[in-house]
Amino acid sequence: MLNHPTVKYRTEQAIAIVTIDRYDEARNAVNPETAQGLAQAFRAFDRDPSLSVAILTGAGGAFCAGFDLKRTATGHRGHRVENGDGPMGPTRMKLSKPVIAAVEGPAVAG
């Protein structure tokens, strides 16, 4: 089980459910820490042979507000997290199993 403050990871039978959980703070915008948590969650999903599919969703009725522009406004100009992951975390990953985006409410590109 992944323990991350802004990414929730749980499983139900053969399904991994990955939830961006920064709704109250930033409408689920992805900051560097959240990007790292997302990458960790999808790595955990991909290496677990008991899981067949992952669902990516957002907490609080919003999917994702894109990259956290508040971080950009303070001088942070994008980032790369561990092992060359993309700025939104798993964007450059090549997983061996499918991921479904459960989009509800606002959804903005990175």
PDB file of N, CA and C in Angstrom:
ATOM      1  N   MET A   1       0.852  -1.196   0.000  1.00  0.00           N
ATOM      2  CA  MET A   1       0.000   0.000   0.000  1.00  0.00           C
ATOM      3  C   MET A   1       0.884   1.241   0.000  1.00  0.00           C
ATOM      4  N   LEU A   2       0.593   2.162  -0.873  1.00  0.00           N
ATOM      5  CA  LEU A   2       1.337   3.411  -0.993  1.00  0.00           C
ATOM      6  C   LEU A   2       0.888   4.366   0.110  1.00  0.00           C
ATOM      7  N   ASN A   3       1.847   5.000   0.755  1.00  0.00           N
ATOM      8  CA  ASN A   3       1.528   5.985   1.780  1.00  0.00           C
ATOM      9  C   ASN A   3       2.053   7.333   1.305  1.00  0.00           C
ATOM     10  N   HIS A   4       1.174   8.155   0.740  1.00  0.00           N
ATOM     11  CA  HIS A   4       1.567   9.450   0.193  1.00  0.00           C
ATOM     12  C   HIS A   4       0.515  10.477   0.580  1.00  0.00           C
ATOM     13  N   PRO A   5       0.920  11.698   0.939  1.00  0.00           N
ATOM     14  CA  PRO A   5      -0.070  12.683   1.412  1.00  0.00           C
ATOM     15  C   PRO A   5      -1.043  13.192   0.349  1.00  0.00           C
ATOM     16  N   THR A   6      -0.670  13.171  -0.947  1.00  0.00           N
ATOM     17  CA  THR A   6      -1.562  13.737  -1.966  1.00  0.00           C
ATOM     18  C   THR A   6      -1.978  12.745  -3.040  1.00  0.00           C
ATOM     19  N   VAL A   7      -1.570  11.494  -2.908  1.00  0.00           N
ATOM     20  CA  VAL A   7      -1.975  10.443  -3.842  1.00  0.00           C
ATOM     21  C   VAL A   7      -2.458   9.252  -3.026  1.00  0.00           C
ATOM     22  N   LYS A   8      -3.695   8.885  -3.243  1.00  0.00           N
ATOM     23  CA  LYS A   8      -4.264   7.721  -2.554  1.00  0.00           C
ATOM     24  C   LYS A   8      -4.230   6.525  -3.497  1.00  0.00           C
ATOM     25  N   TYR A   9      -3.835   5.390  -2.961  1.00  0.00           N
ATOM     26  CA  TYR A   9      -3.709   4.167  -3.756  1.00  0.00           C
ATOM     27  C   TYR A   9      -4.399   3.043  -3.000  1.00  0.00           C
ATOM     28  N   ARG A  10      -5.348   2.417  -3.662  1.00  0.00           N
ATOM     29  CA  ARG A  10      -6.023   1.270  -3.046  1.00  0.00           C
ATOM     30  C   ARG A  10      -6.344   0.264  -4.134  1.00  0.00           C
ATOM     31  N   THR A  11      -6.629  -0.942  -3.723  1.00  0.00           N
ATOM     32  CA  THR A  11      -6.991  -1.978  -4.682  1.00  0.00           C
ATOM     33  C   THR A  11      -8.335  -2.583  -4.312  1.00  0.00           C
ATOM     34  N   GLU A  12      -9.043  -2.992  -5.339  1.00  0.00           N
ATOM     35  CA  GLU A  12     -10.291  -3.736  -5.189  1.00  0.00           C
ATOM     36  C   GLU A  12     -10.228  -4.874  -6.188  1.00  0.00           C
ATOM     37  N   GLN A  13     -10.115  -6.068  -5.691  1.00  0.00           N
ATOM     38  CA  GLN A  13      -9.937  -7.252  -6.523  1.00  0.00           C
ATOM     39  C   GLN A  13      -8.732  -7.039  -7.443  1.00  0.00           C
ATOM     40  N   ALA A  14      -8.899  -7.040  -8.749  1.00  0.00           N
ATOM     41  CA  ALA A  14      -7.774  -6.909  -9.682  1.00  0.00           C
ATOM     42  C   ALA A  14      -7.604  -5.478 -10.194  1.00  0.00           C
ATOM     43  N   ILE A  15      -8.188  -4.504  -9.466  1.00  0.00           N
ATOM     44  CA  ILE A  15      -8.181  -3.110  -9.902  1.00  0.00           C
ATOM     45  C   ILE A  15      -7.406  -2.248  -8.908  1.00  0.00           C
ATOM     46  N   ALA A  16      -6.496  -1.428  -9.435  1.00  0.00           N
ATOM     47  CA  ALA A  16      -5.824  -0.411  -8.610  1.00  0.00           C
ATOM     48  C   ALA A  16      -6.547   0.907  -8.853  1.00  0.00           C
ATOM     49  N   ILE A  17      -6.845   1.631  -7.795  1.00  0.00           N
ATOM     50  CA  ILE A  17      -7.491   2.936  -7.902  1.00  0.00           C
ATOM     51  C   ILE A  17      -6.516   3.975  -7.372  1.00  0.00           C
ATOM     52  N   VAL A  18      -6.104   4.883  -8.267  1.00  0.00           N
ATOM     53  CA  VAL A  18      -5.140   5.928  -7.944  1.00  0.00           C
ATOM     54  C   VAL A  18      -5.897   7.258  -7.958  1.00  0.00           C
ATOM     55  N   THR A  19      -5.879   7.963  -6.836  1.00  0.00           N
ATOM     56  CA  THR A  19      -6.640   9.198  -6.704  1.00  0.00           C
ATOM     57  C   THR A  19      -5.723  10.366  -6.371  1.00  0.00           C
ATOM     58  N   ILE A  20      -5.779  11.406  -7.192  1.00  0.00           N
ATOM     59  CA  ILE A  20      -5.077  12.653  -6.872  1.00  0.00           C
ATOM     60  C   ILE A  20      -5.911  13.334  -5.795  1.00  0.00           C
ATOM     61  N   ASP A  21      -5.300  13.634  -4.659  1.00  0.00           N
ATOM     62  CA  ASP A  21      -6.055  14.150  -3.515  1.00  0.00           C
ATOM     63  C   ASP A  21      -5.478  15.476  -3.004  1.00  0.00           C
ATOM     64  N   ARG A  22      -5.621  16.508  -3.839  1.00  0.00           N
ATOM     65  CA  ARG A  22      -5.239  17.872  -3.452  1.00  0.00           C
ATOM     66  C   ARG A  22      -6.405  18.821  -3.722  1.00  0.00           C
ATOM     67  N   TYR A  23      -7.621  18.320  -3.634  1.00  0.00           N
ATOM     68  CA  TYR A  23      -8.778  19.131  -4.028  1.00  0.00           C
ATOM     69  C   TYR A  23      -8.894  20.410  -3.203  1.00  0.00           C
ATOM     70  N   ASP A  24      -8.883  20.292  -1.879  1.00  0.00           N
ATOM     71  CA  ASP A  24      -9.070  21.464  -1.024  1.00  0.00           C
ATOM     72  C   ASP A  24      -7.966  22.496  -1.215  1.00  0.00           C
ATOM     73  N   GLU A  25      -6.757  22.019  -1.431  1.00  0.00           N
ATOM     74  CA  GLU A  25      -5.604  22.900  -1.555  1.00  0.00           C
ATOM     75  C   GLU A  25      -5.461  23.508  -2.951  1.00  0.00           C
ATOM     76  N   ALA A  26      -5.719  22.688  -4.002  1.00  0.00           N
ATOM     77  CA  ALA A  26      -5.380  23.177  -5.345  1.00  0.00           C
ATOM     78  C   ALA A  26      -6.189  22.514  -6.457  1.00  0.00           C
ATOM     79  N   ARG A  27      -7.417  22.104  -6.171  1.00  0.00           N
ATOM     80  CA  ARG A  27      -8.254  21.456  -7.190  1.00  0.00           C
ATOM     81  C   ARG A  27      -7.530  20.316  -7.901  1.00  0.00           C
ATOM     82  N   ASN A  28      -6.730  19.588  -7.142  1.00  0.00           N
ATOM     83  CA  ASN A  28      -5.983  18.421  -7.635  1.00  0.00           C
ATOM     84  C   ASN A  28      -4.897  18.775  -8.649  1.00  0.00           C
ATOM     85  N   ALA A  29      -4.408  20.014  -8.611  1.00  0.00           N
ATOM     86  CA  ALA A  29      -3.264  20.375  -9.453  1.00  0.00           C
ATOM     87  C   ALA A  29      -2.062  19.552  -8.999  1.00  0.00           C
ATOM     88  N   VAL A  30      -1.210  19.219  -9.955  1.00  0.00           N
ATOM     89  CA  VAL A  30      -0.062  18.358  -9.669  1.00  0.00           C
ATOM     90  C   VAL A  30       1.182  19.212  -9.422  1.00  0.00           C
ATOM     91  N   ASN A  31       1.702  19.119  -8.203  1.00  0.00           N
ATOM     92  CA  ASN A  31       2.977  19.743  -7.865  1.00  0.00           C
ATOM     93  C   ASN A  31       4.059  18.656  -7.934  1.00  0.00           C
ATOM     94  N   PRO A  32       5.333  18.995  -7.756  1.00  0.00           N
ATOM     95  CA  PRO A  32       6.382  17.976  -7.855  1.00  0.00           C
ATOM     96  C   PRO A  32       6.194  16.787  -6.919  1.00  0.00           C
ATOM     97  N   GLU A  33       5.732  17.044  -5.709  1.00  0.00           N
ATOM     98  CA  GLU A  33       5.533  15.953  -4.748  1.00  0.00           C
ATOM     99  C   GLU A  33       4.413  15.006  -5.201  1.00  0.00           C
ATOM    100  N   THR A  34       3.348  15.582  -5.733  1.00  0.00           N
ATOM    101  CA  THR A  34       2.244  14.764  -6.232  1.00  0.00           C
ATOM    102  C   THR A  34       2.676  13.973  -7.457  1.00  0.00           C
ATOM    103  N   ALA A  35       3.458  14.600  -8.320  1.00  0.00           N
ATOM    104  CA  ALA A  35       3.975  13.896  -9.504  1.00  0.00           C
ATOM    105  C   ALA A  35       4.777  12.671  -9.072  1.00  0.00           C
ATOM    106  N   GLN A  36       5.602  12.831  -8.073  1.00  0.00           N
ATOM    107  CA  GLN A  36       6.395  11.709  -7.580  1.00  0.00           C
ATOM    108  C   GLN A  36       5.489  10.624  -6.993  1.00  0.00           C
ATOM    109  N   GLY A  37       4.457  11.026  -6.253  1.00  0.00           N
ATOM    110  CA  GLY A  37       3.514  10.056  -5.691  1.00  0.00           C
ATOM    111  C   GLY A  37       2.760   9.297  -6.773  1.00  0.00           C
ATOM    112  N   LEU A  38       2.367   9.985  -7.847  1.00  0.00           N
ATOM    113  CA  LEU A  38       1.689   9.319  -8.959  1.00  0.00           C
ATOM    114  C   LEU A  38       2.609   8.304  -9.628  1.00  0.00           C
ATOM    115  N   ALA A  39       3.860   8.691  -9.850  1.00  0.00           N
ATOM    116  CA  ALA A  39       4.819   7.765 -10.463  1.00  0.00           C
ATOM    117  C   ALA A  39       5.011   6.530  -9.581  1.00  0.00           C
ATOM    118  N   GLN A  40       5.113   6.726  -8.278  1.00  0.00           N
ATOM    119  CA  GLN A  40       5.258   5.596  -7.348  1.00  0.00           C
ATOM    120  C   GLN A  40       4.039   4.682  -7.405  1.00  0.00           C
ATOM    121  N   ALA A  41       2.856   5.283  -7.451  1.00  0.00           N
ATOM    122  CA  ALA A  41       1.623   4.493  -7.475  1.00  0.00           C
ATOM    123  C   ALA A  41       1.552   3.634  -8.736  1.00  0.00           C
ATOM    124  N   PHE A  42       1.876   4.217  -9.881  1.00  0.00           N
ATOM    125  CA  PHE A  42       1.796   3.449 -11.121  1.00  0.00           C
ATOM    126  C   PHE A  42       2.899   2.397 -11.224  1.00  0.00           C
ATOM    127  N   ARG A  43       4.037   2.644 -10.612  1.00  0.00           N
ATOM    128  CA  ARG A  43       5.065   1.594 -10.554  1.00  0.00           C
ATOM    129  C   ARG A  43       4.581   0.421  -9.698  1.00  0.00           C
ATOM    130  N   ALA A  44       3.953   0.740  -8.577  1.00  0.00           N
ATOM    131  CA  ALA A  44       3.424  -0.319  -7.705  1.00  0.00           C
ATOM    132  C   ALA A  44       2.368  -1.135  -8.443  1.00  0.00           C
ATOM    133  N   PHE A  45       1.474  -0.461  -9.154  1.00  0.00           N
ATOM    134  CA  PHE A  45       0.452  -1.141  -9.941  1.00  0.00           C
ATOM    135  C   PHE A  45       1.087  -2.049 -10.994  1.00  0.00           C
ATOM    136  N   ASP A  46       2.048  -1.539 -11.735  1.00  0.00           N
ATOM    137  CA  ASP A  46       2.623  -2.280 -12.852  1.00  0.00           C
ATOM    138  C   ASP A  46       3.373  -3.528 -12.398  1.00  0.00           C
ATOM    139  N   ARG A  47       3.980  -3.478 -11.234  1.00  0.00           N
ATOM    140  CA  ARG A  47       4.761  -4.647 -10.789  1.00  0.00           C
ATOM    141  C   ARG A  47       3.933  -5.666  -9.995  1.00  0.00           C
ATOM    142  N   ASP A  48       2.664  -5.370  -9.740  1.00  0.00           N
ATOM    143  CA  ASP A  48       1.819  -6.300  -8.981  1.00  0.00           C
ATOM    144  C   ASP A  48       1.078  -7.233  -9.937  1.00  0.00           C
ATOM    145  N   PRO A  49       1.460  -8.509  -9.985  1.00  0.00           N
ATOM    146  CA  PRO A  49       0.836  -9.429 -10.937  1.00  0.00           C
ATOM    147  C   PRO A  49      -0.637  -9.726 -10.654  1.00  0.00           C
ATOM    148  N   SER A  50      -1.114  -9.400  -9.477  1.00  0.00           N
ATOM    149  CA  SER A  50      -2.521  -9.668  -9.159  1.00  0.00           C
ATOM    150  C   SER A  50      -3.455  -8.570  -9.689  1.00  0.00           C
ATOM    151  N   LEU A  51      -2.890  -7.475 -10.205  1.00  0.00           N
ATOM    152  CA  LEU A  51      -3.702  -6.361 -10.696  1.00  0.00           C
ATOM    153  C   LEU A  51      -3.738  -6.364 -12.217  1.00  0.00           C
ATOM    154  N   SER A  52      -4.915  -6.097 -12.787  1.00  0.00           N
ATOM    155  CA  SER A  52      -5.110  -6.132 -14.238  1.00  0.00           C
ATOM    156  C   SER A  52      -5.292  -4.762 -14.872  1.00  0.00           C
ATOM    157  N   VAL A  53      -5.838  -3.815 -14.127  1.00  0.00           N
ATOM    158  CA  VAL A  53      -6.140  -2.491 -14.672  1.00  0.00           C
ATOM    159  C   VAL A  53      -6.069  -1.474 -13.537  1.00  0.00           C
ATOM    160  N   ALA A  54      -5.732  -0.226 -13.902  1.00  0.00           N
ATOM    161  CA  ALA A  54      -5.736   0.870 -12.926  1.00  0.00           C
ATOM    162  C   ALA A  54      -6.743   1.918 -13.368  1.00  0.00           C
ATOM    163  N   ILE A  55      -7.314   2.588 -12.393  1.00  0.00           N
ATOM    164  CA  ILE A  55      -8.214   3.709 -12.640  1.00  0.00           C
ATOM    165  C   ILE A  55      -7.581   4.934 -11.994  1.00  0.00           C
ATOM    166  N   LEU A  56      -7.396   5.994 -12.786  1.00  0.00           N
ATOM    167  CA  LEU A  56      -6.880   7.263 -12.276  1.00  0.00           C
ATOM    168  C   LEU A  56      -8.047   8.219 -12.142  1.00  0.00           C
ATOM    169  N   THR A  57      -8.177   8.812 -10.960  1.00  0.00           N
ATOM    170  CA  THR A  57      -9.286   9.725 -10.701  1.00  0.00           C
ATOM    171  C   THR A  57      -8.809  10.867  -9.802  1.00  0.00           C
ATOM    172  N   GLY A  58      -9.692  11.819  -9.554  1.00  0.00           N
ATOM    173  CA  GLY A  58      -9.387  12.937  -8.675  1.00  0.00           C
ATOM    174  C   GLY A  58     -10.401  13.031  -7.560  1.00  0.00           C
ATOM    175  N   ALA A  59      -9.979  13.526  -6.424  1.00  0.00           N
ATOM    176  CA  ALA A  59     -10.858  13.665  -5.262  1.00  0.00           C
ATOM    177  C   ALA A  59     -11.707  14.933  -5.364  1.00  0.00           C
ATOM    178  N   GLY A  60     -12.814  14.954  -4.667  1.00  0.00           N
ATOM    179  CA  GLY A  60     -13.602  16.163  -4.495  1.00  0.00           C
ATOM    180  C   GLY A  60     -14.411  16.644  -5.683  1.00  0.00           C
ATOM    181  N   GLY A  61     -14.605  15.796  -6.686  1.00  0.00           N
ATOM    182  CA  GLY A  61     -15.415  16.206  -7.824  1.00  0.00           C
ATOM    183  C   GLY A  61     -14.653  16.928  -8.922  1.00  0.00           C
ATOM    184  N   ALA A  62     -13.336  16.951  -8.839  1.00  0.00           N
ATOM    185  CA  ALA A  62     -12.503  17.517  -9.914  1.00  0.00           C
ATOM    186  C   ALA A  62     -11.461  16.477 -10.281  1.00  0.00           C
ATOM    187  N   PHE A  63     -11.214  16.315 -11.572  1.00  0.00           N
ATOM    188  CA  PHE A  63     -10.205  15.343 -11.982  1.00  0.00           C
ATOM    189  C   PHE A  63      -8.812  15.885 -11.696  1.00  0.00           C
ATOM    190  N   CYS A  64      -8.410  16.948 -12.386  1.00  0.00           N
ATOM    191  CA  CYS A  64      -7.082  17.512 -12.193  1.00  0.00           C
ATOM    192  C   CYS A  64      -7.044  18.906 -12.800  1.00  0.00           C
ATOM    193  N   ALA A  65      -6.465  19.854 -12.092  1.00  0.00           N
ATOM    194  CA  ALA A  65      -6.332  21.229 -12.584  1.00  0.00           C
ATOM    195  C   ALA A  65      -5.012  21.442 -13.314  1.00  0.00           C
ATOM    196  N   GLY A  66      -4.369  20.367 -13.769  1.00  0.00           N
ATOM    197  CA  GLY A  66      -3.109  20.481 -14.499  1.00  0.00           C
ATOM    198  C   GLY A  66      -1.928  20.679 -13.573  1.00  0.00           C
ATOM    199  N   PHE A  67      -0.840  21.225 -14.109  1.00  0.00           N
ATOM    200  CA  PHE A  67       0.337  21.505 -13.294  1.00  0.00           C
ATOM    201  C   PHE A  67       0.021  22.642 -12.336  1.00  0.00           C
ATOM    202  N   ASP A  68       0.563  22.597 -11.150  1.00  0.00           N
ATOM    203  CA  ASP A  68       0.299  23.588 -10.112  1.00  0.00           C
ATOM    204  C   ASP A  68       0.926  24.934 -10.489  1.00  0.00           C
ATOM    205  N   LEU A  69       0.116  25.856 -11.004  1.00  0.00           N
ATOM    206  CA  LEU A  69       0.614  27.153 -11.463  1.00  0.00           C
ATOM    207  C   LEU A  69       1.096  28.033 -10.318  1.00  0.00           C
ATOM    208  N   LYS A  70       0.636  27.776  -9.103  1.00  0.00           N
ATOM    209  CA  LYS A  70       1.149  28.523  -7.949  1.00  0.00           C
ATOM    210  C   LYS A  70       2.637  28.251  -7.776  1.00  0.00           C
ATOM    211  N   ARG A  71       3.057  27.019  -8.050  1.00  0.00           N
ATOM    212  CA  ARG A  71       4.491  26.690  -7.977  1.00  0.00           C
ATOM    213  C   ARG A  71       5.257  27.423  -9.075  1.00  0.00           C
ATOM    214  N   THR A  72       4.672  27.518 -10.255  1.00  0.00           N
ATOM    215  CA  THR A  72       5.324  28.231 -11.360  1.00  0.00           C
ATOM    216  C   THR A  72       5.463  29.711 -11.024  1.00  0.00           C
ATOM    217  N   ALA A  73       4.436  30.291 -10.408  1.00  0.00           N
ATOM    218  CA  ALA A  73       4.454  31.712 -10.060  1.00  0.00           C
ATOM    219  C   ALA A  73       5.538  32.049  -9.039  1.00  0.00           C
ATOM    220  N   THR A  74       5.968  31.072  -8.272  1.00  0.00           N
ATOM    221  CA  THR A  74       7.021  31.309  -7.277  1.00  0.00           C
ATOM    222  C   THR A  74       8.409  31.007  -7.837  1.00  0.00           C
ATOM    223  N   GLY A  75       8.495  30.823  -9.163  1.00  0.00           N
ATOM    224  CA  GLY A  75       9.790  30.623  -9.780  1.00  0.00           C
ATOM    225  C   GLY A  75      10.112  29.191 -10.141  1.00  0.00           C
ATOM    226  N   HIS A  76       9.258  28.258  -9.805  1.00  0.00           N
ATOM    227  CA  HIS A  76       9.497  26.853 -10.144  1.00  0.00           C
ATOM    228  C   HIS A  76       9.115  26.654 -11.602  1.00  0.00           C
ATOM    229  N   ARG A  77      10.048  26.290 -12.447  1.00  0.00           N
ATOM    230  CA  ARG A  77       9.822  26.206 -13.891  1.00  0.00           C
ATOM    231  C   ARG A  77       9.760  24.771 -14.390  1.00  0.00           C
ATOM    232  N   GLY A  78       8.931  23.993 -13.813  1.00  0.00           N
ATOM    233  CA  GLY A  78       8.826  22.607 -14.237  1.00  0.00           C
ATOM    234  C   GLY A  78       9.812  21.747 -13.469  1.00  0.00           C
ATOM    235  N   HIS A  79       9.717  20.475 -13.639  1.00  0.00           N
ATOM    236  CA  HIS A  79      10.553  19.565 -12.864  1.00  0.00           C
ATOM    237  C   HIS A  79      10.609  18.203 -13.524  1.00  0.00           C
ATOM    238  N   ARG A  80      11.548  17.445 -13.111  1.00  0.00           N
ATOM    239  CA  ARG A  80      11.630  16.028 -13.473  1.00  0.00           C
ATOM    240  C   ARG A  80      11.789  15.293 -12.164  1.00  0.00           C
ATOM    241  N   VAL A  81      11.045  14.246 -12.015  1.00  0.00           N
ATOM    242  CA  VAL A  81      11.159  13.467 -10.790  1.00  0.00           C
ATOM    243  C   VAL A  81      11.964  12.214 -11.080  1.00  0.00           C
ATOM    244  N   GLU A  82      12.133  11.408 -10.057  1.00  0.00           N
ATOM    245  CA  GLU A  82      12.999  10.225 -10.125  1.00  0.00           C
ATOM    246  C   GLU A  82      12.923   9.457 -11.439  1.00  0.00           C
ATOM    247  N   ASN A  83      14.048   8.985 -11.875  1.00  0.00           N
ATOM    248  CA  ASN A  83      14.180   8.125 -13.050  1.00  0.00           C
ATOM    249  C   ASN A  83      13.634   8.735 -14.337  1.00  0.00           C
ATOM    250  N   GLY A  84      13.703  10.051 -14.473  1.00  0.00           N
ATOM    251  CA  GLY A  84      13.302  10.674 -15.722  1.00  0.00           C
ATOM    252  C   GLY A  84      11.809  10.701 -15.979  1.00  0.00           C
ATOM    253  N   ASP A  85      11.001  10.589 -14.952  1.00  0.00           N
ATOM    254  CA  ASP A  85       9.557  10.658 -15.139  1.00  0.00           C
ATOM    255  C   ASP A  85       9.173  12.029 -15.693  1.00  0.00           C
ATOM    256  N   GLY A  86       7.979  12.116 -16.233  1.00  0.00           N
ATOM    257  CA  GLY A  86       7.498  13.373 -16.785  1.00  0.00           C
ATOM    258  C   GLY A  86       7.126  14.365 -15.703  1.00  0.00           C
ATOM    259  N   PRO A  87       6.871  15.607 -16.074  1.00  0.00           N
ATOM    260  CA  PRO A  87       6.547  16.644 -15.100  1.00  0.00           C
ATOM    261  C   PRO A  87       5.255  16.384 -14.334  1.00  0.00           C
ATOM    262  N   MET A  88       4.365  15.567 -14.887  1.00  0.00           N
ATOM    263  CA  MET A  88       3.130  15.236 -14.182  1.00  0.00           C
ATOM    264  C   MET A  88       3.237  13.864 -13.504  1.00  0.00           C
ATOM    265  N   GLY A  89       4.423  13.288 -13.487  1.00  0.00           N
ATOM    266  CA  GLY A  89       4.638  11.995 -12.841  1.00  0.00           C
ATOM    267  C   GLY A  89       4.703  10.864 -13.834  1.00  0.00           C
ATOM    268  N   PRO A  90       3.582  10.191 -14.083  1.00  0.00           N
ATOM    269  CA  PRO A  90       3.617   8.995 -14.935  1.00  0.00           C
ATOM    270  C   PRO A  90       3.481   9.275 -16.431  1.00  0.00           C
ATOM    271  N   THR A  91       3.565  10.511 -16.867  1.00  0.00           N
ATOM    272  CA  THR A  91       3.268  10.844 -18.266  1.00  0.00           C
ATOM    273  C   THR A  91       4.186  10.181 -19.279  1.00  0.00           C
ATOM    274  N   ARG A  92       5.384   9.806 -18.891  1.00  0.00           N
ATOM    275  CA  ARG A  92       6.306   9.151 -19.827  1.00  0.00           C
ATOM    276  C   ARG A  92       6.427   7.653 -19.599  1.00  0.00           C
ATOM    277  N   MET A  93       5.664   7.133 -18.671  1.00  0.00           N
ATOM    278  CA  MET A  93       5.755   5.709 -18.348  1.00  0.00           C
ATOM    279  C   MET A  93       5.162   4.836 -19.437  1.00  0.00           C
ATOM    280  N   LYS A  94       5.757   3.695 -19.646  1.00  0.00           N
ATOM    281  CA  LYS A  94       5.215   2.679 -20.544  1.00  0.00           C
ATOM    282  C   LYS A  94       4.837   1.496 -19.666  1.00  0.00           C
ATOM    283  N   LEU A  95       3.583   1.433 -19.333  1.00  0.00           N
ATOM    284  CA  LEU A  95       3.089   0.382 -18.442  1.00  0.00           C
ATOM    285  C   LEU A  95       2.704  -0.849 -19.249  1.00  0.00           C
ATOM    286  N   SER A  96       2.705  -1.981 -18.582  1.00  0.00           N
ATOM    287  CA  SER A  96       2.367  -3.244 -19.247  1.00  0.00           C
ATOM    288  C   SER A  96       0.880  -3.566 -19.156  1.00  0.00           C
ATOM    289  N   LYS A  97       0.124  -2.722 -18.434  1.00  0.00           N
ATOM    290  CA  LYS A  97      -1.310  -2.959 -18.244  1.00  0.00           C
ATOM    291  C   LYS A  97      -2.072  -1.662 -18.485  1.00  0.00           C
ATOM    292  N   PRO A  98      -3.358  -1.744 -18.804  1.00  0.00           N
ATOM    293  CA  PRO A  98      -4.128  -0.538 -19.123  1.00  0.00           C
ATOM    294  C   PRO A  98      -4.460   0.324 -17.903  1.00  0.00           C
ATOM    295  N   VAL A  99      -4.618   1.626 -18.183  1.00  0.00           N
ATOM    296  CA  VAL A  99      -5.049   2.606 -17.193  1.00  0.00           C
ATOM    297  C   VAL A  99      -6.262   3.322 -17.778  1.00  0.00           C
ATOM    298  N   ILE A 100      -7.288   3.461 -16.977  1.00  0.00           N
ATOM    299  CA  ILE A 100      -8.509   4.167 -17.374  1.00  0.00           C
ATOM    300  C   ILE A 100      -8.573   5.455 -16.577  1.00  0.00           C
ATOM    301  N   ALA A 101      -8.842   6.580 -17.238  1.00  0.00           N
ATOM    302  CA  ALA A 101      -9.027   7.847 -16.545  1.00  0.00           C
ATOM    303  C   ALA A 101     -10.512   8.019 -16.260  1.00  0.00           C
ATOM    304  N   ALA A 102     -10.863   8.135 -14.998  1.00  0.00           N
ATOM    305  CA  ALA A 102     -12.250   8.381 -14.590  1.00  0.00           C
ATOM    306  C   ALA A 102     -12.372   9.886 -14.378  1.00  0.00           C
ATOM    307  N   VAL A 103     -12.701  10.608 -15.437  1.00  0.00           N
ATOM    308  CA  VAL A 103     -12.735  12.058 -15.409  1.00  0.00           C
ATOM    309  C   VAL A 103     -14.111  12.526 -14.972  1.00  0.00           C
ATOM    310  N   GLU A 104     -14.108  13.321 -13.889  1.00  0.00           N
ATOM    311  CA  GLU A 104     -15.329  13.918 -13.373  1.00  0.00           C
ATOM    312  C   GLU A 104     -15.001  15.368 -13.028  1.00  0.00           C
ATOM    313  N   GLY A 105     -15.787  16.287 -13.487  1.00  0.00           N
ATOM    314  CA  GLY A 105     -15.542  17.686 -13.185  1.00  0.00           C
ATOM    315  C   GLY A 105     -14.398  18.255 -13.999  1.00  0.00           C
ATOM    316  N   PRO A 106     -13.782  19.350 -13.522  1.00  0.00           N
ATOM    317  CA  PRO A 106     -12.717  20.010 -14.274  1.00  0.00           C
ATOM    318  C   PRO A 106     -11.534  19.089 -14.561  1.00  0.00           C
ATOM    319  N   ALA A 107     -11.022  19.180 -15.775  1.00  0.00           N
ATOM    320  CA  ALA A 107      -9.833  18.425 -16.182  1.00  0.00           C
ATOM    321  C   ALA A 107      -9.030  19.318 -17.114  1.00  0.00           C
ATOM    322  N   VAL A 108      -7.838  19.714 -16.692  1.00  0.00           N
ATOM    323  CA  VAL A 108      -7.003  20.621 -17.451  1.00  0.00           C
ATOM    324  C   VAL A 108      -5.699  19.928 -17.788  1.00  0.00           C
ATOM    325  N   ALA A 109      -5.161  20.181 -18.958  1.00  0.00           N
ATOM    326  CA  ALA A 109      -3.891  19.562 -19.362  1.00  0.00           C
ATOM    327  C   ALA A 109      -2.747  20.100 -18.518  1.00  0.00           C
ATOM    328  N   GLY A 110      -1.648  19.342 -18.510  1.00  0.00           N
ATOM    329  CA  GLY A 110      -0.457  19.710 -17.744  1.00  0.00           C
ATOM    330  C   GLY A 110       0.178  20.954 -18.265  1.00  0.00           C
TER     331      GLY A 110
END
